[in-house]
């Protein structure tokens, strides 16, 4: 039987994935605009970055809740949480700093996509 804490965690995880899809989807859409020099930060990227950061932090709370309810639940890796939170914050800062610019440099867009991908890789393999 699924607990309330697990249901909250799973719901947050779905929203977290929607944020990831929004951010990476926006990034991929803008790749084709790099060559003509018309790439920009689109609203999907802004909303996706914020959604990932906020739901990521809420997921930590849900995981702590699950640990409090179930003594057998594995402990949270606080170093991993700190590293991933810093990376997610960097993505939000990069997106927010470039959101009002008419066009975004290819290096800035690549950094946003690369750091986002790094965060996904850490989530999967760490």
PDB file of N, CA and C in Angstrom:
ATOM      1  N   UNK A   1       0.842  -1.183   0.000  1.00  0.00           N
ATOM      2  CA  UNK A   1       0.000   0.000   0.000  1.00  0.00           C
ATOM      3  C   UNK A   1       0.889   1.248   0.000  1.00  0.00           C
ATOM      4  N   UNK A   2       0.541   2.200  -0.795  1.00  0.00           N
ATOM      5  CA  UNK A   2       1.332   3.426  -0.908  1.00  0.00           C
ATOM      6  C   UNK A   2       0.970   4.381   0.234  1.00  0.00           C
ATOM      7  N   UNK A   3       1.996   4.954   0.827  1.00  0.00           N
ATOM      8  CA  UNK A   3       1.773   5.903   1.919  1.00  0.00           C
ATOM      9  C   UNK A   3       1.517   7.294   1.356  1.00  0.00           C
ATOM     10  N   UNK A   4       1.026   8.159   2.203  1.00  0.00           N
ATOM     11  CA  UNK A   4       0.792   9.546   1.786  1.00  0.00           C
ATOM     12  C   UNK A   4       2.104  10.203   1.383  1.00  0.00           C
ATOM     13  N   UNK A   5       3.160   9.942   2.148  1.00  0.00           N
ATOM     14  CA  UNK A   5       4.468  10.532   1.839  1.00  0.00           C
ATOM     15  C   UNK A   5       4.965  10.063   0.474  1.00  0.00           C
ATOM     16  N   UNK A   6       4.775   8.787   0.165  1.00  0.00           N
ATOM     17  CA  UNK A   6       5.204   8.257  -1.126  1.00  0.00           C
ATOM     18  C   UNK A   6       4.381   8.854  -2.264  1.00  0.00           C
ATOM     19  N   UNK A   7       3.096   9.043  -2.029  1.00  0.00           N
ATOM     20  CA  UNK A   7       2.233   9.654  -3.039  1.00  0.00           C
ATOM     21  C   UNK A   7       2.656  11.094  -3.317  1.00  0.00           C
ATOM     22  N   UNK A   8       2.970  11.833  -2.260  1.00  0.00           N
ATOM     23  CA  UNK A   8       3.442  13.216  -2.424  1.00  0.00           C
ATOM     24  C   UNK A   8       4.757  13.219  -3.192  1.00  0.00           C
ATOM     25  N   UNK A   9       5.677  12.323  -2.805  1.00  0.00           N
ATOM     26  CA  UNK A   9       6.970  12.251  -3.488  1.00  0.00           C
ATOM     27  C   UNK A   9       6.796  11.930  -4.968  1.00  0.00           C
ATOM     28  N   UNK A  10       5.980  10.942  -5.272  1.00  0.00           N
ATOM     29  CA  UNK A  10       5.776  10.552  -6.667  1.00  0.00           C
ATOM     30  C   UNK A  10       5.123  11.668  -7.476  1.00  0.00           C
ATOM     31  N   UNK A  11       4.181  12.374  -6.877  1.00  0.00           N
ATOM     32  CA  UNK A  11       3.534  13.504  -7.560  1.00  0.00           C
ATOM     33  C   UNK A  11       4.541  14.614  -7.839  1.00  0.00           C
ATOM     34  N   UNK A  12       5.373  14.906  -6.851  1.00  0.00           N
ATOM     35  CA  UNK A  12       6.410  15.922  -7.044  1.00  0.00           C
ATOM     36  C   UNK A  12       7.408  15.497  -8.114  1.00  0.00           C
ATOM     37  N   UNK A  13       7.716  14.210  -8.158  1.00  0.00           N
ATOM     38  CA  UNK A  13       8.655  13.710  -9.158  1.00  0.00           C
ATOM     39  C   UNK A  13       8.104  13.893 -10.569  1.00  0.00           C
ATOM     40  N   UNK A  14       6.811  13.652 -10.743  1.00  0.00           N
ATOM     41  CA  UNK A  14       6.183  13.867 -12.054  1.00  0.00           C
ATOM     42  C   UNK A  14       6.292  15.342 -12.446  1.00  0.00           C
ATOM     43  N   UNK A  15       5.990  16.241 -11.523  1.00  0.00           N
ATOM     44  CA  UNK A  15       6.089  17.679 -11.810  1.00  0.00           C
ATOM     45  C   UNK A  15       7.541  18.061 -12.094  1.00  0.00           C
ATOM     46  N   UNK A  16       8.475  17.449 -11.374  1.00  0.00           N
ATOM     47  CA  UNK A  16       9.901  17.693 -11.592  1.00  0.00           C
ATOM     48  C   UNK A  16      10.292  17.301 -13.026  1.00  0.00           C
ATOM     49  N   UNK A  17       9.794  16.154 -13.486  1.00  0.00           N
ATOM     50  CA  UNK A  17      10.081  15.708 -14.850  1.00  0.00           C
ATOM     51  C   UNK A  17       9.450  16.628 -15.895  1.00  0.00           C
ATOM     52  N   UNK A  18       8.279  17.159 -15.597  1.00  0.00           N
ATOM     53  CA  UNK A  18       7.652  18.124 -16.511  1.00  0.00           C
ATOM     54  C   UNK A  18       8.534  19.375 -16.618  1.00  0.00           C
ATOM     55  N   UNK A  19       9.075  19.832 -15.488  1.00  0.00           N
ATOM     56  CA  UNK A  19      10.000  20.966 -15.506  1.00  0.00           C
ATOM     57  C   UNK A  19      11.239  20.665 -16.323  1.00  0.00           C
ATOM     58  N   UNK A  20      11.770  19.455 -16.179  1.00  0.00           N
ATOM     59  CA  UNK A  20      12.938  19.049 -16.961  1.00  0.00           C
ATOM     60  C   UNK A  20      12.616  19.052 -18.451  1.00  0.00           C
ATOM     61  N   UNK A  21      11.467  18.501 -18.808  1.00  0.00           N
ATOM     62  CA  UNK A  21      11.057  18.473 -20.213  1.00  0.00           C
ATOM     63  C   UNK A  21      10.903  19.888 -20.764  1.00  0.00           C
ATOM     64  N   UNK A  22      10.360  20.778 -19.967  1.00  0.00           N
ATOM     65  CA  UNK A  22      10.173  22.162 -20.387  1.00  0.00           C
ATOM     66  C   UNK A  22      11.513  22.855 -20.612  1.00  0.00           C
ATOM     67  N   UNK A  23      12.425  22.690 -19.675  1.00  0.00           N
ATOM     68  CA  UNK A  23      13.734  23.335 -19.784  1.00  0.00           C
ATOM     69  C   UNK A  23      14.546  22.760 -20.939  1.00  0.00           C
ATOM     70  N   UNK A  24      14.678  21.443 -20.997  1.00  0.00           N
ATOM     71  CA  UNK A  24      15.466  20.839 -22.074  1.00  0.00           C
ATOM     72  C   UNK A  24      14.779  20.988 -23.428  1.00  0.00           C
ATOM     73  N   UNK A  25      13.457  20.906 -23.445  1.00  0.00           N
ATOM     74  CA  UNK A  25      12.734  21.116 -24.697  1.00  0.00           C
ATOM     75  C   UNK A  25      12.942  22.521 -25.235  1.00  0.00           C
ATOM     76  N   UNK A  26      12.864  23.512 -24.351  1.00  0.00           N
ATOM     77  CA  UNK A  26      13.130  24.891 -24.761  1.00  0.00           C
ATOM     78  C   UNK A  26      14.548  25.072 -25.259  1.00  0.00           C
ATOM     79  N   UNK A  27      15.489  24.439 -24.585  1.00  0.00           N
ATOM     80  CA  UNK A  27      16.892  24.488 -25.010  1.00  0.00           C
ATOM     81  C   UNK A  27      17.053  23.877 -26.406  1.00  0.00           C
ATOM     82  N   UNK A  28      16.468  22.706 -26.618  1.00  0.00           N
ATOM     83  CA  UNK A  28      16.598  22.035 -27.914  1.00  0.00           C
ATOM     84  C   UNK A  28      15.944  22.829 -29.039  1.00  0.00           C
ATOM     85  N   UNK A  29      14.828  23.469 -28.750  1.00  0.00           N
ATOM     86  CA  UNK A  29      14.157  24.298 -29.758  1.00  0.00           C
ATOM     87  C   UNK A  29      15.050  25.468 -30.166  1.00  0.00           C
ATOM     88  N   UNK A  30      15.794  26.013 -29.221  1.00  0.00           N
ATOM     89  CA  UNK A  30      16.625  27.183 -29.505  1.00  0.00           C
ATOM     90  C   UNK A  30      17.942  26.834 -30.198  1.00  0.00           C
ATOM     91  N   UNK A  31      18.328  25.573 -30.207  1.00  0.00           N
ATOM     92  CA  UNK A  31      19.586  25.193 -30.863  1.00  0.00           C
ATOM     93  C   UNK A  31      19.562  25.567 -32.339  1.00  0.00           C
ATOM     94  N   UNK A  32      18.442  25.333 -33.009  1.00  0.00           N
ATOM     95  CA  UNK A  32      18.373  25.653 -34.440  1.00  0.00           C
ATOM     96  C   UNK A  32      18.417  27.163 -34.693  1.00  0.00           C
ATOM     97  N   UNK A  33      18.132  27.955 -33.675  1.00  0.00           N
ATOM     98  CA  UNK A  33      18.162  29.412 -33.829  1.00  0.00           C
ATOM     99  C   UNK A  33      19.553  29.987 -33.568  1.00  0.00           C
ATOM    100  N   UNK A  34      20.507  29.156 -33.191  1.00  0.00           N
ATOM    101  CA  UNK A  34      21.851  29.663 -32.905  1.00  0.00           C
ATOM    102  C   UNK A  34      22.561  30.149 -34.162  1.00  0.00           C
ATOM    103  N   UNK A  35      22.483  29.386 -35.231  1.00  0.00           N
ATOM    104  CA  UNK A  35      23.210  29.744 -36.450  1.00  0.00           C
ATOM    105  C   UNK A  35      22.784  31.101 -37.012  1.00  0.00           C
ATOM    106  N   UNK A  36      21.478  31.371 -37.138  1.00  0.00           N
ATOM    107  CA  UNK A  36      21.104  32.708 -37.611  1.00  0.00           C
ATOM    108  C   UNK A  36      21.251  33.789 -36.542  1.00  0.00           C
ATOM    109  N   UNK A  37      21.623  33.405 -35.329  1.00  0.00           N
ATOM    110  CA  UNK A  37      21.826  34.392 -34.262  1.00  0.00           C
ATOM    111  C   UNK A  37      20.547  34.914 -33.640  1.00  0.00           C
ATOM    112  N   UNK A  38      19.502  34.109 -33.654  1.00  0.00           N
ATOM    113  CA  UNK A  38      18.221  34.555 -33.091  1.00  0.00           C
ATOM    114  C   UNK A  38      17.811  33.765 -31.848  1.00  0.00           C
ATOM    115  N   UNK A  39      18.725  32.994 -31.285  1.00  0.00           N
ATOM    116  CA  UNK A  39      18.395  32.196 -30.096  1.00  0.00           C
ATOM    117  C   UNK A  39      18.102  33.109 -28.915  1.00  0.00           C
ATOM    118  N   UNK A  40      17.134  32.709 -28.108  1.00  0.00           N
ATOM    119  CA  UNK A  40      16.785  33.478 -26.913  1.00  0.00           C
ATOM    120  C   UNK A  40      16.266  32.528 -25.846  1.00  0.00           C
ATOM    121  N   UNK A  41      16.136  33.047 -24.655  1.00  0.00           N
ATOM    122  CA  UNK A  41      15.561  32.272 -23.556  1.00  0.00           C
ATOM    123  C   UNK A  41      14.049  32.391 -23.672  1.00  0.00           C
ATOM    124  N   UNK A  42      13.397  31.269 -23.874  1.00  0.00           N
ATOM    125  CA  UNK A  42      11.942  31.287 -24.033  1.00  0.00           C
ATOM    126  C   UNK A  42      11.280  30.982 -22.683  1.00  0.00           C
ATOM    127  N   UNK A  43      10.011  31.356 -22.529  1.00  0.00           N
ATOM    128  CA  UNK A  43       9.324  31.139 -21.248  1.00  0.00           C
ATOM    129  C   UNK A  43       9.362  29.695 -20.755  1.00  0.00           C
ATOM    130  N   UNK A  44       9.330  28.739 -21.666  1.00  0.00           N
ATOM    131  CA  UNK A  44       9.386  27.330 -21.243  1.00  0.00           C
ATOM    132  C   UNK A  44      10.657  27.043 -20.458  1.00  0.00           C
ATOM    133  N   UNK A  45      11.757  27.660 -20.843  1.00  0.00           N
ATOM    134  CA  UNK A  45      13.026  27.449 -20.139  1.00  0.00           C
ATOM    135  C   UNK A  45      12.991  28.082 -18.752  1.00  0.00           C
ATOM    136  N   UNK A  46      12.400  29.263 -18.660  1.00  0.00           N
ATOM    137  CA  UNK A  46      12.306  29.951 -17.364  1.00  0.00           C
ATOM    138  C   UNK A  46      11.443  29.137 -16.406  1.00  0.00           C
ATOM    139  N   UNK A  47      10.264  28.755 -16.871  1.00  0.00           N
ATOM    140  CA  UNK A  47       9.348  27.995 -16.017  1.00  0.00           C
ATOM    141  C   UNK A  47       9.926  26.623 -15.669  1.00  0.00           C
ATOM    142  N   UNK A  48      10.585  25.999 -16.633  1.00  0.00           N
ATOM    143  CA  UNK A  48      11.185  24.694 -16.376  1.00  0.00           C
ATOM    144  C   UNK A  48      12.292  24.757 -15.342  1.00  0.00           C
ATOM    145  N   UNK A  49      13.146  25.780 -15.436  1.00  0.00           N
ATOM    146  CA  UNK A  49      14.246  25.918 -14.475  1.00  0.00           C
ATOM    147  C   UNK A  49      13.715  26.125 -13.064  1.00  0.00           C
ATOM    148  N   UNK A  50      12.741  27.024 -12.929  1.00  0.00           N
ATOM    149  CA  UNK A  50      12.161  27.272 -11.599  1.00  0.00           C
ATOM    150  C   UNK A  50      11.419  26.043 -11.077  1.00  0.00           C
ATOM    151  N   UNK A  51      10.694  25.362 -11.956  1.00  0.00           N
ATOM    152  CA  UNK A  51       9.957  24.167 -11.544  1.00  0.00           C
ATOM    153  C   UNK A  51      10.912  23.097 -11.042  1.00  0.00           C
ATOM    154  N   UNK A  52      12.012  22.904 -11.749  1.00  0.00           N
ATOM    155  CA  UNK A  52      12.984  21.899 -11.317  1.00  0.00           C
ATOM    156  C   UNK A  52      13.597  22.253  -9.966  1.00  0.00           C
ATOM    157  N   UNK A  53      13.942  23.516  -9.768  1.00  0.00           N
ATOM    158  CA  UNK A  53      14.553  23.921  -8.497  1.00  0.00           C
ATOM    159  C   UNK A  53      13.571  23.740  -7.337  1.00  0.00           C
ATOM    160  N   UNK A  54      12.376  24.266  -7.492  1.00  0.00           N
ATOM    161  CA  UNK A  54      11.395  24.218  -6.399  1.00  0.00           C
ATOM    162  C   UNK A  54      10.966  22.780  -6.102  1.00  0.00           C
ATOM    163  N   UNK A  55      10.640  22.015  -7.133  1.00  0.00           N
ATOM    164  CA  UNK A  55      10.210  20.637  -6.875  1.00  0.00           C
ATOM    165  C   UNK A  55      11.368  19.782  -6.365  1.00  0.00           C
ATOM    166  N   UNK A  56      12.582  20.091  -6.794  1.00  0.00           N
ATOM    167  CA  UNK A  56      13.738  19.368  -6.264  1.00  0.00           C
ATOM    168  C   UNK A  56      13.876  19.559  -4.767  1.00  0.00           C
ATOM    169  N   UNK A  57      13.710  20.792  -4.317  1.00  0.00           N
ATOM    170  CA  UNK A  57      13.780  21.065  -2.876  1.00  0.00           C
ATOM    171  C   UNK A  57      12.610  20.422  -2.135  1.00  0.00           C
ATOM    172  N   UNK A  58      11.432  20.466  -2.742  1.00  0.00           N
ATOM    173  CA  UNK A  58      10.273  19.816  -2.121  1.00  0.00           C
ATOM    174  C   UNK A  58      10.436  18.295  -2.072  1.00  0.00           C
ATOM    175  N   UNK A  59      11.109  17.737  -3.074  1.00  0.00           N
ATOM    176  CA  UNK A  59      11.379  16.298  -3.066  1.00  0.00           C
ATOM    177  C   UNK A  59      12.274  15.904  -1.893  1.00  0.00           C
ATOM    178  N   UNK A  60      13.207  16.776  -1.547  1.00  0.00           N
ATOM    179  CA  UNK A  60      14.054  16.517  -0.378  1.00  0.00           C
ATOM    180  C   UNK A  60      13.190  16.449   0.878  1.00  0.00           C
ATOM    181  N   UNK A  61      12.266  17.393   1.010  1.00  0.00           N
ATOM    182  CA  UNK A  61      11.360  17.383   2.155  1.00  0.00           C
ATOM    183  C   UNK A  61      10.495  16.132   2.189  1.00  0.00           C
ATOM    184  N   UNK A  62      10.004  15.722   1.027  1.00  0.00           N
ATOM    185  CA  UNK A  62       9.178  14.512   0.961  1.00  0.00           C
ATOM    186  C   UNK A  62       9.996  13.280   1.340  1.00  0.00           C
ATOM    187  N   UNK A  63      11.234  13.254   0.912  1.00  0.00           N
ATOM    188  CA  UNK A  63      12.109  12.123   1.250  1.00  0.00           C
ATOM    189  C   UNK A  63      12.398  12.085   2.747  1.00  0.00           C
ATOM    190  N   UNK A  64      12.614  13.249   3.349  1.00  0.00           N
ATOM    191  CA  UNK A  64      12.817  13.310   4.803  1.00  0.00           C
ATOM    192  C   UNK A  64      11.558  12.837   5.535  1.00  0.00           C
ATOM    193  N   UNK A  65      10.409  13.231   5.020  1.00  0.00           N
ATOM    194  CA  UNK A  65       9.134  12.802   5.590  1.00  0.00           C
ATOM    195  C   UNK A  65       9.020  11.276   5.527  1.00  0.00           C
ATOM    196  N   UNK A  66       9.384  10.706   4.379  1.00  0.00           N
ATOM    197  CA  UNK A  66       9.334   9.256   4.232  1.00  0.00           C
ATOM    198  C   UNK A  66      10.278   8.573   5.218  1.00  0.00           C
ATOM    199  N   UNK A  67      11.458   9.146   5.430  1.00  0.00           N
ATOM    200  CA  UNK A  67      12.416   8.579   6.386  1.00  0.00           C
ATOM    201  C   UNK A  67      11.877   8.644   7.808  1.00  0.00           C
ATOM    202  N   UNK A  68      11.156   9.710   8.119  1.00  0.00           N
ATOM    203  CA  UNK A  68      10.587   9.853   9.464  1.00  0.00           C
ATOM    204  C   UNK A  68       9.463   8.850   9.701  1.00  0.00           C
ATOM    205  N   UNK A  69       8.716   8.540   8.657  1.00  0.00           N
ATOM    206  CA  UNK A  69       7.585   7.617   8.777  1.00  0.00           C
ATOM    207  C   UNK A  69       8.060   6.162   8.791  1.00  0.00           C
ATOM    208  N   UNK A  70       9.066   5.864   7.971  1.00  0.00           N
ATOM    209  CA  UNK A  70       9.549   4.489   7.827  1.00  0.00           C
ATOM    210  C   UNK A  70      11.000   4.413   8.285  1.00  0.00           C
ATOM    211  N   UNK A  71      11.228   3.761   9.407  1.00  0.00           N
ATOM    212  CA  UNK A  71      12.586   3.671   9.961  1.00  0.00           C
ATOM    213  C   UNK A  71      13.526   2.900   9.039  1.00  0.00           C
ATOM    214  N   UNK A  72      13.002   2.066   8.173  1.00  0.00           N
ATOM    215  CA  UNK A  72      13.829   1.282   7.262  1.00  0.00           C
ATOM    216  C   UNK A  72      14.206   2.011   5.981  1.00  0.00           C
ATOM    217  N   UNK A  73      13.683   3.205   5.788  1.00  0.00           N
ATOM    218  CA  UNK A  73      13.978   3.964   4.570  1.00  0.00           C
ATOM    219  C   UNK A  73      15.439   4.411   4.580  1.00  0.00           C
ATOM    220  N   UNK A  74      16.088   4.399   3.413  1.00  0.00           N
ATOM    221  CA  UNK A  74      17.493   4.822   3.374  1.00  0.00           C
ATOM    222  C   UNK A  74      17.634   6.309   3.698  1.00  0.00           C
ATOM    223  N   UNK A  75      18.776   6.645   4.302  1.00  0.00           N
ATOM    224  CA  UNK A  75      19.025   8.047   4.640  1.00  0.00           C
ATOM    225  C   UNK A  75      19.308   8.849   3.383  1.00  0.00           C
ATOM    226  N   UNK A  76      19.025  10.123   3.469  1.00  0.00           N
ATOM    227  CA  UNK A  76      19.253  11.042   2.367  1.00  0.00           C
ATOM    228  C   UNK A  76      20.735  11.385   2.286  1.00  0.00           C
ATOM    229  N   UNK A  77      21.273  11.448   1.072  1.00  0.00           N
ATOM    230  CA  UNK A  77      22.668  11.834   0.863  1.00  0.00           C
ATOM    231  C   UNK A  77      22.718  13.362   0.780  1.00  0.00           C
ATOM    232  N   UNK A  78      23.080  13.997   1.888  1.00  0.00           N
ATOM    233  CA  UNK A  78      23.051  15.460   1.960  1.00  0.00           C
ATOM    234  C   UNK A  78      24.058  16.120   1.029  1.00  0.00           C
ATOM    235  N   UNK A  79      25.176  15.464   0.760  1.00  0.00           N
ATOM    236  CA  UNK A  79      26.151  16.029  -0.178  1.00  0.00           C
ATOM    237  C   UNK A  79      25.556  16.059  -1.579  1.00  0.00           C
ATOM    238  N   UNK A  80      24.895  14.986  -1.969  1.00  0.00           N
ATOM    239  CA  UNK A  80      24.246  14.939  -3.282  1.00  0.00           C
ATOM    240  C   UNK A  80      23.176  16.023  -3.386  1.00  0.00           C
ATOM    241  N   UNK A  81      22.391  16.174  -2.336  1.00  0.00           N
ATOM    242  CA  UNK A  81      21.346  17.200  -2.320  1.00  0.00           C
ATOM    243  C   UNK A  81      21.969  18.583  -2.481  1.00  0.00           C
ATOM    244  N   UNK A  82      23.060  18.842  -1.763  1.00  0.00           N
ATOM    245  CA  UNK A  82      23.715  20.152  -1.845  1.00  0.00           C
ATOM    246  C   UNK A  82      24.258  20.413  -3.245  1.00  0.00           C
ATOM    247  N   UNK A  83      24.944  19.427  -3.820  1.00  0.00           N
ATOM    248  CA  UNK A  83      25.526  19.596  -5.159  1.00  0.00           C
ATOM    249  C   UNK A  83      24.432  19.828  -6.190  1.00  0.00           C
ATOM    250  N   UNK A  84      23.393  19.001  -6.166  1.00  0.00           N
ATOM    251  CA  UNK A  84      22.318  19.150  -7.145  1.00  0.00           C
ATOM    252  C   UNK A  84      21.544  20.455  -6.952  1.00  0.00           C
ATOM    253  N   UNK A  85      21.395  20.891  -5.704  1.00  0.00           N
ATOM    254  CA  UNK A  85      20.716  22.167  -5.443  1.00  0.00           C
ATOM    255  C   UNK A  85      21.526  23.339  -5.977  1.00  0.00           C
ATOM    256  N   UNK A  86      22.833  23.278  -5.798  1.00  0.00           N
ATOM    257  CA  UNK A  86      23.703  24.338  -6.330  1.00  0.00           C
ATOM    258  C   UNK A  86      23.624  24.367  -7.846  1.00  0.00           C
ATOM    259  N   UNK A  87      23.676  23.201  -8.471  1.00  0.00           N
ATOM    260  CA  UNK A  87      23.606  23.138  -9.935  1.00  0.00           C
ATOM    261  C   UNK A  87      22.264  23.677 -10.430  1.00  0.00           C
ATOM    262  N   UNK A  88      21.170  23.297  -9.783  1.00  0.00           N
ATOM    263  CA  UNK A  88      19.846  23.791 -10.188  1.00  0.00           C
ATOM    264  C   UNK A  88      19.753  25.301 -10.005  1.00  0.00           C
ATOM    265  N   UNK A  89      20.364  25.814  -8.948  1.00  0.00           N
ATOM    266  CA  UNK A  89      20.373  27.265  -8.720  1.00  0.00           C
ATOM    267  C   UNK A  89      21.179  27.968  -9.797  1.00  0.00           C
ATOM    268  N   UNK A  90      22.299  27.379 -10.200  1.00  0.00           N
ATOM    269  CA  UNK A  90      23.114  27.954 -11.282  1.00  0.00           C
ATOM    270  C   UNK A  90      22.298  28.030 -12.567  1.00  0.00           C
ATOM    271  N   UNK A  91      21.542  26.987 -12.867  1.00  0.00           N
ATOM    272  CA  UNK A  91      20.703  26.994 -14.077  1.00  0.00           C
ATOM    273  C   UNK A  91      19.675  28.121 -14.005  1.00  0.00           C
ATOM    274  N   UNK A  92      19.014  28.266 -12.867  1.00  0.00           N
ATOM    275  CA  UNK A  92      18.019  29.338 -12.707  1.00  0.00           C
ATOM    276  C   UNK A  92      18.683  30.700 -12.886  1.00  0.00           C
ATOM    277  N   UNK A  93      19.842  30.893 -12.283  1.00  0.00           N
ATOM    278  CA  UNK A  93      20.548  32.177 -12.403  1.00  0.00           C
ATOM    279  C   UNK A  93      20.924  32.445 -13.856  1.00  0.00           C
ATOM    280  N   UNK A  94      21.454  31.451 -14.551  1.00  0.00           N
ATOM    281  CA  UNK A  94      21.823  31.636 -15.961  1.00  0.00           C
ATOM    282  C   UNK A  94      20.610  31.988 -16.818  1.00  0.00           C
ATOM    283  N   UNK A  95      19.509  31.298 -16.582  1.00  0.00           N
ATOM    284  CA  UNK A  95      18.286  31.571 -17.348  1.00  0.00           C
ATOM    285  C   UNK A  95      17.775  32.975 -17.045  1.00  0.00           C
ATOM    286  N   UNK A  96      17.761  33.346 -15.774  1.00  0.00           N
ATOM    287  CA  UNK A  96      17.231  34.658 -15.399  1.00  0.00           C
ATOM    288  C   UNK A  96      18.129  35.798 -15.889  1.00  0.00           C
ATOM    289  N   UNK A  97      19.435  35.596 -15.876  1.00  0.00           N
ATOM    290  CA  UNK A  97      20.346  36.642 -16.357  1.00  0.00           C
ATOM    291  C   UNK A  97      20.210  36.880 -17.858  1.00  0.00           C
ATOM    292  N   UNK A  98      19.823  35.857 -18.596  1.00  0.00           N
ATOM    293  CA  UNK A  98      19.750  35.964 -20.056  1.00  0.00           C
ATOM    294  C   UNK A  98      18.335  36.108 -20.600  1.00  0.00           C
ATOM    295  N   UNK A  99      17.328  36.120 -19.744  1.00  0.00           N
ATOM    296  CA  UNK A  99      15.941  36.087 -20.215  1.00  0.00           C
ATOM    297  C   UNK A  99      15.506  37.348 -20.950  1.00  0.00           C
ATOM    298  N   UNK A 100      16.045  38.490 -20.595  1.00  0.00           N
ATOM    299  CA  UNK A 100      15.593  39.747 -21.216  1.00  0.00           C
ATOM    300  C   UNK A 100      16.431  40.136 -22.432  1.00  0.00           C
ATOM    301  N   UNK A 101      17.484  39.394 -22.688  1.00  0.00           N
ATOM    302  CA  UNK A 101      18.340  39.719 -23.829  1.00  0.00           C
ATOM    303  C   UNK A 101      17.618  39.384 -25.131  1.00  0.00           C
ATOM    304  N   UNK A 102      17.836  40.238 -26.112  1.00  0.00           N
ATOM    305  CA  UNK A 102      17.224  40.030 -27.426  1.00  0.00           C
ATOM    306  C   UNK A 102      17.690  38.707 -28.039  1.00  0.00           C
ATOM    307  N   UNK A 103      18.995  38.457 -27.958  1.00  0.00           N
ATOM    308  CA  UNK A 103      19.555  37.180 -28.403  1.00  0.00           C
ATOM    309  C   UNK A 103      20.542  36.698 -27.344  1.00  0.00           C
ATOM    310  N   UNK A 104      20.708  35.399 -27.290  1.00  0.00           N
ATOM    311  CA  UNK A 104      21.601  34.786 -26.308  1.00  0.00           C
ATOM    312  C   UNK A 104      22.821  34.241 -27.043  1.00  0.00           C
ATOM    313  N   UNK A 105      23.994  34.434 -26.446  1.00  0.00           N
ATOM    314  CA  UNK A 105      25.216  33.876 -27.028  1.00  0.00           C
ATOM    315  C   UNK A 105      25.131  32.358 -27.014  1.00  0.00           C
ATOM    316  N   UNK A 106      25.756  31.751 -28.002  1.00  0.00           N
ATOM    317  CA  UNK A 106      25.733  30.288 -28.070  1.00  0.00           C
ATOM    318  C   UNK A 106      26.392  29.669 -26.843  1.00  0.00           C
ATOM    319  N   UNK A 107      27.405  30.334 -26.305  1.00  0.00           N
ATOM    320  CA  UNK A 107      28.073  29.795 -25.114  1.00  0.00           C
ATOM    321  C   UNK A 107      27.137  29.796 -23.904  1.00  0.00           C
ATOM    322  N   UNK A 108      26.323  30.826 -23.774  1.00  0.00           N
ATOM    323  CA  UNK A 108      25.373  30.882 -22.655  1.00  0.00           C
ATOM    324  C   UNK A 108      24.313  29.794 -22.781  1.00  0.00           C
ATOM    325  N   UNK A 109      23.800  29.625 -23.983  1.00  0.00           N
ATOM    326  CA  UNK A 109      22.779  28.599 -24.201  1.00  0.00           C
ATOM    327  C   UNK A 109      23.367  27.204 -23.997  1.00  0.00           C
ATOM    328  N   UNK A 110      24.589  26.993 -24.486  1.00  0.00           N
ATOM    329  CA  UNK A 110      25.247  25.697 -24.303  1.00  0.00           C
ATOM    330  C   UNK A 110      25.497  25.417 -22.825  1.00  0.00           C
ATOM    331  N   UNK A 111      25.854  26.443 -22.081  1.00  0.00           N
ATOM    332  CA  UNK A 111      26.093  26.278 -20.648  1.00  0.00           C
ATOM    333  C   UNK A 111      24.805  25.885 -19.921  1.00  0.00           C
ATOM    334  N   UNK A 112      23.703  26.528 -20.280  1.00  0.00           N
ATOM    335  CA  UNK A 112      22.412  26.183 -19.667  1.00  0.00           C
ATOM    336  C   UNK A 112      22.061  24.722 -19.956  1.00  0.00           C
ATOM    337  N   UNK A 113      22.164  24.329 -21.213  1.00  0.00           N
ATOM    338  CA  UNK A 113      21.859  22.944 -21.580  1.00  0.00           C
ATOM    339  C   UNK A 113      22.824  21.947 -20.962  1.00  0.00           C
ATOM    340  N   UNK A 114      24.102  22.287 -20.960  1.00  0.00           N
ATOM    341  CA  UNK A 114      25.113  21.384 -20.416  1.00  0.00           C
ATOM    342  C   UNK A 114      24.991  21.179 -18.919  1.00  0.00           C
ATOM    343  N   UNK A 115      24.758  22.259 -18.194  1.00  0.00           N
ATOM    344  CA  UNK A 115      24.624  22.157 -16.739  1.00  0.00           C
ATOM    345  C   UNK A 115      23.335  21.409 -16.380  1.00  0.00           C
ATOM    346  N   UNK A 116      22.287  21.625 -17.151  1.00  0.00           N
ATOM    347  CA  UNK A 116      21.042  20.877 -16.927  1.00  0.00           C
ATOM    348  C   UNK A 116      21.269  19.387 -17.159  1.00  0.00           C
ATOM    349  N   UNK A 117      21.960  19.061 -18.240  1.00  0.00           N
ATOM    350  CA  UNK A 117      22.260  17.661 -18.531  1.00  0.00           C
ATOM    351  C   UNK A 117      23.151  17.052 -17.443  1.00  0.00           C
ATOM    352  N   UNK A 118      24.108  17.824 -16.947  1.00  0.00           N
ATOM    353  CA  UNK A 118      24.955  17.365 -15.844  1.00  0.00           C
ATOM    354  C   UNK A 118      24.107  17.010 -14.626  1.00  0.00           C
ATOM    355  N   UNK A 119      23.123  17.833 -14.329  1.00  0.00           N
ATOM    356  CA  UNK A 119      22.248  17.574 -13.187  1.00  0.00           C
ATOM    357  C   UNK A 119      21.461  16.272 -13.380  1.00  0.00           C
ATOM    358  N   UNK A 120      21.028  16.017 -14.594  1.00  0.00           N
ATOM    359  CA  UNK A 120      20.312  14.773 -14.887  1.00  0.00           C
ATOM    360  C   UNK A 120      21.253  13.578 -14.723  1.00  0.00           C
ATOM    361  N   UNK A 121      22.462  13.705 -15.236  1.00  0.00           N
ATOM    362  CA  UNK A 121      23.441  12.618 -15.131  1.00  0.00           C
ATOM    363  C   UNK A 121      23.746  12.306 -13.669  1.00  0.00           C
ATOM    364  N   UNK A 122      23.916  13.349 -12.861  1.00  0.00           N
ATOM    365  CA  UNK A 122      24.157  13.134 -11.431  1.00  0.00           C
ATOM    366  C   UNK A 122      22.973  12.443 -10.764  1.00  0.00           C
ATOM    367  N   UNK A 123      21.764  12.827 -11.156  1.00  0.00           N
ATOM    368  CA  UNK A 123      20.569  12.215 -10.568  1.00  0.00           C
ATOM    369  C   UNK A 123      20.494  10.725 -10.891  1.00  0.00           C
ATOM    370  N   UNK A 124      20.900  10.362 -12.082  1.00  0.00           N
ATOM    371  CA  UNK A 124      20.777   8.969 -12.513  1.00  0.00           C
ATOM    372  C   UNK A 124      21.920   8.096 -11.989  1.00  0.00           C
ATOM    373  N   UNK A 125      23.142   8.586 -12.106  1.00  0.00           N
ATOM    374  CA  UNK A 125      24.292   7.729 -11.827  1.00  0.00           C
ATOM    375  C   UNK A 125      24.903   7.875 -10.437  1.00  0.00           C
ATOM    376  N   UNK A 126      24.513   8.889  -9.665  1.00  0.00           N
ATOM    377  CA  UNK A 126      25.099   9.074  -8.338  1.00  0.00           C
ATOM    378  C   UNK A 126      24.243   8.410  -7.310  1.00  0.00           C
TER     379      UNK A 126
END
